[in-house]
mmCIF file of all heavy atoms, coordinates in Angstrom:
data_MODEL
# 
_entry.id   MODEL 
# 
loop_
_atom_site.group_PDB 
_atom_site.id 
_atom_site.type_symbol 
_atom_site.label_atom_id 
_atom_site.label_alt_id 
_atom_site.label_comp_id 
_atom_site.label_asym_id 
_atom_site.label_entity_id 
_atom_site.label_seq_id 
_atom_site.pdbx_PDB_ins_code 
_atom_site.Cartn_x 
_atom_site.Cartn_y 
_atom_site.Cartn_z 
_atom_site.occupancy 
_atom_site.B_iso_or_equiv 
_atom_site.pdbx_formal_charge 
_atom_site.auth_seq_id 
_atom_site.auth_comp_id 
_atom_site.auth_asym_id 
_atom_site.auth_atom_id 
_atom_site.pdbx_PDB_model_num 
ATOM 1   N N   . PHE A 1 1  ? 105.206 104.572 94.076 1.00 0.00 ? 1  PHE A N   1 
ATOM 2   C CA  . PHE A 1 1  ? 105.754 103.474 93.283 1.00 0.00 ? 1  PHE A CA  1 
ATOM 3   C C   . PHE A 1 1  ? 104.905 102.208 93.438 1.00 0.00 ? 1  PHE A C   1 
ATOM 4   O O   . PHE A 1 1  ? 104.665 101.478 92.476 1.00 0.00 ? 1  PHE A O   1 
ATOM 5   C CB  . PHE A 1 1  ? 107.192 103.186 93.707 1.00 0.00 ? 1  PHE A CB  1 
ATOM 6   C CG  . PHE A 1 1  ? 108.160 104.266 93.327 1.00 0.00 ? 1  PHE A CG  1 
ATOM 7   C CD1 . PHE A 1 1  ? 109.359 104.425 94.016 1.00 0.00 ? 1  PHE A CD1 1 
ATOM 8   C CD2 . PHE A 1 1  ? 107.870 105.144 92.292 1.00 0.00 ? 1  PHE A CD2 1 
ATOM 9   C CE1 . PHE A 1 1  ? 110.246 105.432 93.676 1.00 0.00 ? 1  PHE A CE1 1 
ATOM 10  C CE2 . PHE A 1 1  ? 108.760 106.162 91.943 1.00 0.00 ? 1  PHE A CE2 1 
ATOM 11  C CZ  . PHE A 1 1  ? 109.943 106.299 92.643 1.00 0.00 ? 1  PHE A CZ  1 
ATOM 12  N N   . THR A 1 2  ? 104.461 101.960 94.655 1.00 0.00 ? 2  THR A N   1 
ATOM 13  C CA  . THR A 1 2  ? 103.596 100.799 94.880 1.00 0.00 ? 2  THR A CA  1 
ATOM 14  C C   . THR A 1 2  ? 102.298 100.928 94.111 1.00 0.00 ? 2  THR A C   1 
ATOM 15  O O   . THR A 1 2  ? 101.813 99.974  93.500 1.00 0.00 ? 2  THR A O   1 
ATOM 16  C CB  . THR A 1 2  ? 103.310 100.644 96.386 1.00 0.00 ? 2  THR A CB  1 
ATOM 17  O OG1 . THR A 1 2  ? 104.535 100.605 97.115 1.00 0.00 ? 2  THR A OG1 1 
ATOM 18  C CG2 . THR A 1 2  ? 102.528 99.379  96.654 1.00 0.00 ? 2  THR A CG2 1 
ATOM 19  N N   . VAL A 1 3  ? 101.719 102.139 94.128 1.00 0.00 ? 3  VAL A N   1 
ATOM 20  C CA  . VAL A 1 3  ? 100.493 102.389 93.366 1.00 0.00 ? 3  VAL A CA  1 
ATOM 21  C C   . VAL A 1 3  ? 100.730 102.133 91.880 1.00 0.00 ? 3  VAL A C   1 
ATOM 22  O O   . VAL A 1 3  ? 99.923  101.487 91.199 1.00 0.00 ? 3  VAL A O   1 
ATOM 23  C CB  . VAL A 1 3  ? 100.009 103.835 93.588 1.00 0.00 ? 3  VAL A CB  1 
ATOM 24  C CG1 . VAL A 1 3  ? 98.854  104.171 92.655 1.00 0.00 ? 3  VAL A CG1 1 
ATOM 25  C CG2 . VAL A 1 3  ? 99.591  104.042 95.028 1.00 0.00 ? 3  VAL A CG2 1 
ATOM 26  N N   . ALA A 1 4  ? 101.856 102.629 91.370 1.00 0.00 ? 4  ALA A N   1 
ATOM 27  C CA  . ALA A 1 4  ? 102.160 102.461 89.946 1.00 0.00 ? 4  ALA A CA  1 
ATOM 28  C C   . ALA A 1 4  ? 102.336 100.992 89.588 1.00 0.00 ? 4  ALA A C   1 
ATOM 29  O O   . ALA A 1 4  ? 101.905 100.536 88.522 1.00 0.00 ? 4  ALA A O   1 
ATOM 30  C CB  . ALA A 1 4  ? 103.410 103.257 89.587 1.00 0.00 ? 4  ALA A CB  1 
ATOM 31  N N   . LEU A 1 5  ? 102.976 100.207 90.465 1.00 0.00 ? 5  LEU A N   1 
ATOM 32  C CA  . LEU A 1 5  ? 103.186 98.790  90.188 1.00 0.00 ? 5  LEU A CA  1 
ATOM 33  C C   . LEU A 1 5  ? 101.875 98.009  90.240 1.00 0.00 ? 5  LEU A C   1 
ATOM 34  O O   . LEU A 1 5  ? 101.682 97.049  89.495 1.00 0.00 ? 5  LEU A O   1 
ATOM 35  C CB  . LEU A 1 5  ? 104.183 98.205  91.194 1.00 0.00 ? 5  LEU A CB  1 
ATOM 36  C CG  . LEU A 1 5  ? 105.639 98.678  91.052 1.00 0.00 ? 5  LEU A CG  1 
ATOM 37  C CD1 . LEU A 1 5  ? 106.467 98.187  92.228 1.00 0.00 ? 5  LEU A CD1 1 
ATOM 38  C CD2 . LEU A 1 5  ? 106.228 98.175  89.746 1.00 0.00 ? 5  LEU A CD2 1 
ATOM 39  N N   . VAL A 1 6  ? 100.970 98.403  91.125 1.00 0.00 ? 6  VAL A N   1 
ATOM 40  C CA  . VAL A 1 6  ? 99.694  97.692  91.258 1.00 0.00 ? 6  VAL A CA  1 
ATOM 41  C C   . VAL A 1 6  ? 98.779  97.963  90.080 1.00 0.00 ? 6  VAL A C   1 
ATOM 42  O O   . VAL A 1 6  ? 98.153  97.063  89.519 1.00 0.00 ? 6  VAL A O   1 
ATOM 43  C CB  . VAL A 1 6  ? 99.008  98.074  92.588 1.00 0.00 ? 6  VAL A CB  1 
ATOM 44  C CG1 . VAL A 1 6  ? 97.585  97.528  92.631 1.00 0.00 ? 6  VAL A CG1 1 
ATOM 45  C CG2 . VAL A 1 6  ? 99.802  97.533  93.768 1.00 0.00 ? 6  VAL A CG2 1 
ATOM 46  N N   . THR A 1 7  ? 98.690  99.217  89.674 1.00 0.00 ? 7  THR A N   1 
ATOM 47  C CA  . THR A 1 7  ? 97.683  99.618  88.688 1.00 0.00 ? 7  THR A CA  1 
ATOM 48  C C   . THR A 1 7  ? 98.249  99.880  87.300 1.00 0.00 ? 7  THR A C   1 
ATOM 49  O O   . THR A 1 7  ? 97.481  100.009 86.347 1.00 0.00 ? 7  THR A O   1 
ATOM 50  C CB  . THR A 1 7  ? 96.973  100.904 89.161 1.00 0.00 ? 7  THR A CB  1 
ATOM 51  O OG1 . THR A 1 7  ? 97.931  101.968 89.208 1.00 0.00 ? 7  THR A OG1 1 
ATOM 52  C CG2 . THR A 1 7  ? 96.364  100.700 90.537 1.00 0.00 ? 7  THR A CG2 1 
ATOM 53  N N   . GLY A 1 8  ? 99.563  99.980  87.179 1.00 0.00 ? 8  GLY A N   1 
ATOM 54  C CA  . GLY A 1 8  ? 100.146 100.333 85.890 1.00 0.00 ? 8  GLY A CA  1 
ATOM 55  C C   . GLY A 1 8  ? 100.106 101.811 85.616 1.00 0.00 ? 8  GLY A C   1 
ATOM 56  O O   . GLY A 1 8  ? 100.512 102.264 84.544 1.00 0.00 ? 8  GLY A O   1 
ATOM 57  N N   . THR A 1 9  ? 99.627  102.604 86.552 1.00 0.00 ? 9  THR A N   1 
ATOM 58  C CA  . THR A 1 9  ? 99.582  104.054 86.432 1.00 0.00 ? 9  THR A CA  1 
ATOM 59  C C   . THR A 1 9  ? 99.645  104.647 87.824 1.00 0.00 ? 9  THR A C   1 
ATOM 60  O O   . THR A 1 9  ? 99.388  103.950 88.818 1.00 0.00 ? 9  THR A O   1 
ATOM 61  C CB  . THR A 1 9  ? 98.297  104.521 85.730 1.00 0.00 ? 9  THR A CB  1 
ATOM 62  O OG1 . THR A 1 9  ? 98.262  105.956 85.714 1.00 0.00 ? 9  THR A OG1 1 
ATOM 63  C CG2 . THR A 1 9  ? 97.065  104.021 86.456 1.00 0.00 ? 9  THR A CG2 1 
ATOM 64  N N   . ASP A 1 10 ? 99.994  105.918 87.926 1.00 0.00 ? 10 ASP A N   1 
ATOM 65  C CA  . ASP A 1 10 ? 100.035 106.562 89.237 1.00 0.00 ? 10 ASP A CA  1 
ATOM 66  C C   . ASP A 1 10 ? 98.871  107.527 89.426 1.00 0.00 ? 10 ASP A C   1 
ATOM 67  O O   . ASP A 1 10 ? 98.942  108.452 90.223 1.00 0.00 ? 10 ASP A O   1 
ATOM 68  C CB  . ASP A 1 10 ? 101.361 107.295 89.449 1.00 0.00 ? 10 ASP A CB  1 
ATOM 69  C CG  . ASP A 1 10 ? 101.694 108.240 88.305 1.00 0.00 ? 10 ASP A CG  1 
ATOM 70  O OD1 . ASP A 1 10 ? 100.897 108.308 87.373 1.00 0.00 ? 10 ASP A OD1 1 
ATOM 71  O OD2 . ASP A 1 10 ? 102.754 108.898 88.360 1.00 0.00 ? 10 ASP A OD2 1 
ATOM 72  N N   . LEU A 1 11 ? 97.806  107.297 88.688 1.00 0.00 ? 11 LEU A N   1 
ATOM 73  C CA  . LEU A 1 11 ? 96.599  108.097 88.885 1.00 0.00 ? 11 LEU A CA  1 
ATOM 74  C C   . LEU A 1 11 ? 95.829  107.571 90.090 1.00 0.00 ? 11 LEU A C   1 
ATOM 75  O O   . LEU A 1 11 ? 95.562  106.364 90.183 1.00 0.00 ? 11 LEU A O   1 
ATOM 76  C CB  . LEU A 1 11 ? 95.707  108.046 87.647 1.00 0.00 ? 11 LEU A CB  1 
ATOM 77  C CG  . LEU A 1 11 ? 96.231  108.772 86.399 1.00 0.00 ? 11 LEU A CG  1 
ATOM 78  C CD1 . LEU A 1 11 ? 95.300  108.518 85.227 1.00 0.00 ? 11 LEU A CD1 1 
ATOM 79  C CD2 . LEU A 1 11 ? 96.371  110.253 86.664 1.00 0.00 ? 11 LEU A CD2 1 
ATOM 80  N N   . PRO A 1 12 ? 95.455  108.411 91.046 1.00 0.00 ? 12 PRO A N   1 
ATOM 81  C CA  . PRO A 1 12 ? 94.747  107.925 92.234 1.00 0.00 ? 12 PRO A CA  1 
ATOM 82  C C   . PRO A 1 12 ? 93.404  107.292 91.905 1.00 0.00 ? 12 PRO A C   1 
ATOM 83  O O   . PRO A 1 12 ? 92.956  106.385 92.601 1.00 0.00 ? 12 PRO A O   1 
ATOM 84  C CB  . PRO A 1 12 ? 94.586  109.191 93.088 1.00 0.00 ? 12 PRO A CB  1 
ATOM 85  C CG  . PRO A 1 12 ? 94.743  110.334 92.136 1.00 0.00 ? 12 PRO A CG  1 
ATOM 86  C CD  . PRO A 1 12 ? 95.683  109.857 91.083 1.00 0.00 ? 12 PRO A CD  1 
ATOM 87  N N   . TYR A 1 13 ? 92.737  107.767 90.835 1.00 0.00 ? 13 TYR A N   1 
ATOM 88  C CA  . TYR A 1 13 ? 91.456  107.181 90.458 1.00 0.00 ? 13 TYR A CA  1 
ATOM 89  C C   . TYR A 1 13 ? 91.616  105.716 90.061 1.00 0.00 ? 13 TYR A C   1 
ATOM 90  O O   . TYR A 1 13 ? 90.739  104.890 90.304 1.00 0.00 ? 13 TYR A O   1 
ATOM 91  C CB  . TYR A 1 13 ? 90.833  107.964 89.300 1.00 0.00 ? 13 TYR A CB  1 
ATOM 92  C CG  . TYR A 1 13 ? 90.286  109.313 89.688 1.00 0.00 ? 13 TYR A CG  1 
ATOM 93  C CD1 . TYR A 1 13 ? 91.062  110.454 89.574 1.00 0.00 ? 13 TYR A CD1 1 
ATOM 94  C CD2 . TYR A 1 13 ? 88.994  109.448 90.177 1.00 0.00 ? 13 TYR A CD2 1 
ATOM 95  C CE1 . TYR A 1 13 ? 90.568  111.703 89.932 1.00 0.00 ? 13 TYR A CE1 1 
ATOM 96  C CE2 . TYR A 1 13 ? 88.484  110.681 90.530 1.00 0.00 ? 13 TYR A CE2 1 
ATOM 97  C CZ  . TYR A 1 13 ? 89.279  111.808 90.408 1.00 0.00 ? 13 TYR A CZ  1 
ATOM 98  O OH  . TYR A 1 13 ? 88.778  113.031 90.771 1.00 0.00 ? 13 TYR A OH  1 
ATOM 99  N N   . ALA A 1 14 ? 92.761  105.379 89.442 1.00 0.00 ? 14 ALA A N   1 
ATOM 100 C CA  . ALA A 1 14 ? 92.987  104.003 88.992 1.00 0.00 ? 14 ALA A CA  1 
ATOM 101 C C   . ALA A 1 14 ? 93.145  103.065 90.181 1.00 0.00 ? 14 ALA A C   1 
ATOM 102 O O   . ALA A 1 14 ? 92.598  101.958 90.184 1.00 0.00 ? 14 ALA A O   1 
ATOM 103 C CB  . ALA A 1 14 ? 94.219  103.944 88.093 1.00 0.00 ? 14 ALA A CB  1 
ATOM 104 N N   . LEU A 1 15 ? 93.896  103.486 91.200 1.00 0.00 ? 15 LEU A N   1 
ATOM 105 C CA  . LEU A 1 15 ? 94.056  102.636 92.373 1.00 0.00 ? 15 LEU A CA  1 
ATOM 106 C C   . LEU A 1 15 ? 92.732  102.478 93.109 1.00 0.00 ? 15 LEU A C   1 
ATOM 107 O O   . LEU A 1 15 ? 92.405  101.384 93.581 1.00 0.00 ? 15 LEU A O   1 
ATOM 108 C CB  . LEU A 1 15 ? 95.113  103.220 93.309 1.00 0.00 ? 15 LEU A CB  1 
ATOM 109 C CG  . LEU A 1 15 ? 95.363  102.400 94.581 1.00 0.00 ? 15 LEU A CG  1 
ATOM 110 C CD1 . LEU A 1 15 ? 95.822  100.993 94.241 1.00 0.00 ? 15 LEU A CD1 1 
ATOM 111 C CD2 . LEU A 1 15 ? 96.376  103.075 95.484 1.00 0.00 ? 15 LEU A CD2 1 
ATOM 112 N N   . ALA A 1 16 ? 91.959  103.549 93.221 1.00 0.00 ? 16 ALA A N   1 
ATOM 113 C CA  . ALA A 1 16 ? 90.659  103.447 93.880 1.00 0.00 ? 16 ALA A CA  1 
ATOM 114 C C   . ALA A 1 16 ? 89.757  102.467 93.135 1.00 0.00 ? 16 ALA A C   1 
ATOM 115 O O   . ALA A 1 16 ? 89.044  101.666 93.751 1.00 0.00 ? 16 ALA A O   1 
ATOM 116 C CB  . ALA A 1 16 ? 90.000  104.829 93.952 1.00 0.00 ? 16 ALA A CB  1 
ATOM 117 N N   . GLU A 1 17 ? 89.795  102.493 91.816 1.00 0.00 ? 17 GLU A N   1 
ATOM 118 C CA  . GLU A 1 17 ? 89.004  101.555 91.025 1.00 0.00 ? 17 GLU A CA  1 
ATOM 119 C C   . GLU A 1 17 ? 89.492  100.129 91.230 1.00 0.00 ? 17 GLU A C   1 
ATOM 120 O O   . GLU A 1 17 ? 88.694  99.185  91.300 1.00 0.00 ? 17 GLU A O   1 
ATOM 121 C CB  . GLU A 1 17 ? 89.087  101.924 89.538 1.00 0.00 ? 17 GLU A CB  1 
ATOM 122 C CG  . GLU A 1 17 ? 88.263  101.037 88.622 1.00 0.00 ? 17 GLU A CG  1 
ATOM 123 C CD  . GLU A 1 17 ? 86.780  101.115 88.917 1.00 0.00 ? 17 GLU A CD  1 
ATOM 124 O OE1 . GLU A 1 17 ? 86.319  102.191 89.358 1.00 0.00 ? 17 GLU A OE1 1 
ATOM 125 O OE2 . GLU A 1 17 ? 86.074  100.105 88.711 1.00 0.00 ? 17 GLU A OE2 1 
ATOM 126 N N   . THR A 1 18 ? 90.809  99.941  91.357 1.00 0.00 ? 18 THR A N   1 
ATOM 127 C CA  . THR A 1 18 ? 91.366  98.613  91.607 1.00 0.00 ? 18 THR A CA  1 
ATOM 128 C C   . THR A 1 18 ? 90.900  98.069  92.948 1.00 0.00 ? 18 THR A C   1 
ATOM 129 O O   . THR A 1 18 ? 90.531  96.894  93.072 1.00 0.00 ? 18 THR A O   1 
ATOM 130 C CB  . THR A 1 18 ? 92.902  98.669  91.575 1.00 0.00 ? 18 THR A CB  1 
ATOM 131 O OG1 . THR A 1 18 ? 93.326  99.156  90.305 1.00 0.00 ? 18 THR A OG1 1 
ATOM 132 C CG2 . THR A 1 18 ? 93.499  97.291  91.799 1.00 0.00 ? 18 THR A CG2 1 
ATOM 133 N N   . VAL A 1 19 ? 90.893  98.911  93.969 1.00 0.00 ? 19 VAL A N   1 
ATOM 134 C CA  . VAL A 1 19 ? 90.446  98.477  95.290 1.00 0.00 ? 19 VAL A CA  1 
ATOM 135 C C   . VAL A 1 19 ? 88.964  98.149  95.284 1.00 0.00 ? 19 VAL A C   1 
ATOM 136 O O   . VAL A 1 19 ? 88.522  97.171  95.896 1.00 0.00 ? 19 VAL A O   1 
ATOM 137 C CB  . VAL A 1 19 ? 90.763  99.563  96.335 1.00 0.00 ? 19 VAL A CB  1 
ATOM 138 C CG1 . VAL A 1 19 ? 90.191  99.200  97.692 1.00 0.00 ? 19 VAL A CG1 1 
ATOM 139 C CG2 . VAL A 1 19 ? 92.271  99.769  96.434 1.00 0.00 ? 19 VAL A CG2 1 
ATOM 140 N N   . ARG A 1 20 ? 88.171  98.939  94.578 1.00 0.00 ? 20 ARG A N   1 
ATOM 141 C CA  . ARG A 1 20 ? 86.728  98.677  94.511 1.00 0.00 ? 20 ARG A CA  1 
ATOM 142 C C   . ARG A 1 20 ? 86.400  97.427  93.713 1.00 0.00 ? 20 ARG A C   1 
ATOM 143 O O   . ARG A 1 20 ? 85.338  96.830  93.899 1.00 0.00 ? 20 ARG A O   1 
ATOM 144 C CB  . ARG A 1 20 ? 85.994  99.868  93.879 1.00 0.00 ? 20 ARG A CB  1 
ATOM 145 C CG  . ARG A 1 20 ? 85.815  101.059 94.790 1.00 0.00 ? 20 ARG A CG  1 
ATOM 146 C CD  . ARG A 1 20 ? 84.793  102.040 94.210 1.00 0.00 ? 20 ARG A CD  1 
ATOM 147 N NE  . ARG A 1 20 ? 85.182  102.463 92.873 1.00 0.00 ? 20 ARG A NE  1 
ATOM 148 C CZ  . ARG A 1 20 ? 85.958  103.507 92.606 1.00 0.00 ? 20 ARG A CZ  1 
ATOM 149 N NH1 . ARG A 1 20 ? 86.434  104.224 93.603 1.00 0.00 ? 20 ARG A NH1 1 
ATOM 150 N NH2 . ARG A 1 20 ? 86.258  103.838 91.365 1.00 0.00 ? 20 ARG A NH2 1 
ATOM 151 N N   . SER A 1 21 ? 87.298  97.006  92.835 1.00 0.00 ? 21 SER A N   1 
ATOM 152 C CA  . SER A 1 21 ? 87.004  95.869  91.971 1.00 0.00 ? 21 SER A CA  1 
ATOM 153 C C   . SER A 1 21 ? 86.898  94.570  92.749 1.00 0.00 ? 21 SER A C   1 
ATOM 154 O O   . SER A 1 21 ? 86.165  93.658  92.346 1.00 0.00 ? 21 SER A O   1 
ATOM 155 C CB  . SER A 1 21 ? 88.087  95.738  90.893 1.00 0.00 ? 21 SER A CB  1 
ATOM 156 O OG  . SER A 1 21 ? 89.351  95.438  91.484 1.00 0.00 ? 21 SER A OG  1 
ATOM 157 N N   . SER A 1 22 ? 87.620  94.451  93.857 1.00 0.00 ? 22 SER A N   1 
ATOM 158 C CA  . SER A 1 22 ? 87.590  93.210  94.632 1.00 0.00 ? 22 SER A CA  1 
ATOM 159 C C   . SER A 1 22 ? 88.062  93.490  96.046 1.00 0.00 ? 22 SER A C   1 
ATOM 160 O O   . SER A 1 22 ? 89.017  94.248  96.255 1.00 0.00 ? 22 SER A O   1 
ATOM 161 C CB  . SER A 1 22 ? 88.475  92.139  93.978 1.00 0.00 ? 22 SER A CB  1 
ATOM 162 O OG  . SER A 1 22 ? 88.582  90.999  94.800 1.00 0.00 ? 22 SER A OG  1 
ATOM 163 N N   . ALA A 1 23 ? 87.405  92.833  97.006 1.00 0.00 ? 23 ALA A N   1 
ATOM 164 C CA  . ALA A 1 23 ? 87.821  92.997  98.400 1.00 0.00 ? 23 ALA A CA  1 
ATOM 165 C C   . ALA A 1 23 ? 89.192  92.386  98.645 1.00 0.00 ? 23 ALA A C   1 
ATOM 166 O O   . ALA A 1 23 ? 89.889  92.760  99.601 1.00 0.00 ? 23 ALA A O   1 
ATOM 167 C CB  . ALA A 1 23 ? 86.801  92.348  99.332 1.00 0.00 ? 23 ALA A CB  1 
ATOM 168 N N   . GLU A 1 24 ? 89.605  91.458  97.780 1.00 0.00 ? 24 GLU A N   1 
ATOM 169 C CA  . GLU A 1 24 ? 90.917  90.843  97.934 1.00 0.00 ? 24 GLU A CA  1 
ATOM 170 C C   . GLU A 1 24 ? 92.046  91.859  97.733 1.00 0.00 ? 24 GLU A C   1 
ATOM 171 O O   . GLU A 1 24 ? 93.153  91.665  98.244 1.00 0.00 ? 24 GLU A O   1 
ATOM 172 C CB  . GLU A 1 24 ? 91.081  89.692  96.944 1.00 0.00 ? 24 GLU A CB  1 
ATOM 173 C CG  . GLU A 1 24 ? 90.101  88.544  97.173 1.00 0.00 ? 24 GLU A CG  1 
ATOM 174 C CD  . GLU A 1 24 ? 90.285  87.443  96.152 1.00 0.00 ? 24 GLU A CD  1 
ATOM 175 O OE1 . GLU A 1 24 ? 91.119  87.619  95.235 1.00 0.00 ? 24 GLU A OE1 1 
ATOM 176 O OE2 . GLU A 1 24 ? 89.602  86.412  96.265 1.00 0.00 ? 24 GLU A OE2 1 
ATOM 177 N N   . GLN A 1 25 ? 91.759  92.899  96.970 1.00 0.00 ? 25 GLN A N   1 
ATOM 178 C CA  . GLN A 1 25 ? 92.805  93.901  96.724 1.00 0.00 ? 25 GLN A CA  1 
ATOM 179 C C   . GLN A 1 25 ? 93.213  94.620  98.007 1.00 0.00 ? 25 GLN A C   1 
ATOM 180 O O   . GLN A 1 25 ? 94.361  95.045  98.150 1.00 0.00 ? 25 GLN A O   1 
ATOM 181 C CB  . GLN A 1 25 ? 92.310  94.923  95.695 1.00 0.00 ? 25 GLN A CB  1 
ATOM 182 C CG  . GLN A 1 25 ? 91.967  94.344  94.337 1.00 0.00 ? 25 GLN A CG  1 
ATOM 183 C CD  . GLN A 1 25 ? 93.184  93.841  93.600 1.00 0.00 ? 25 GLN A CD  1 
ATOM 184 O OE1 . GLN A 1 25 ? 94.301  94.274  93.856 1.00 0.00 ? 25 GLN A OE1 1 
ATOM 185 N NE2 . GLN A 1 25 ? 92.987  92.916  92.673 1.00 0.00 ? 25 GLN A NE2 1 
# 
């Protein structure tokens, strides 16, 4: 659920891309 709220999807690739986008994530 946390992943889905952060990225708007529950795909693991999307969260990994979000984390790579900025160290602040």
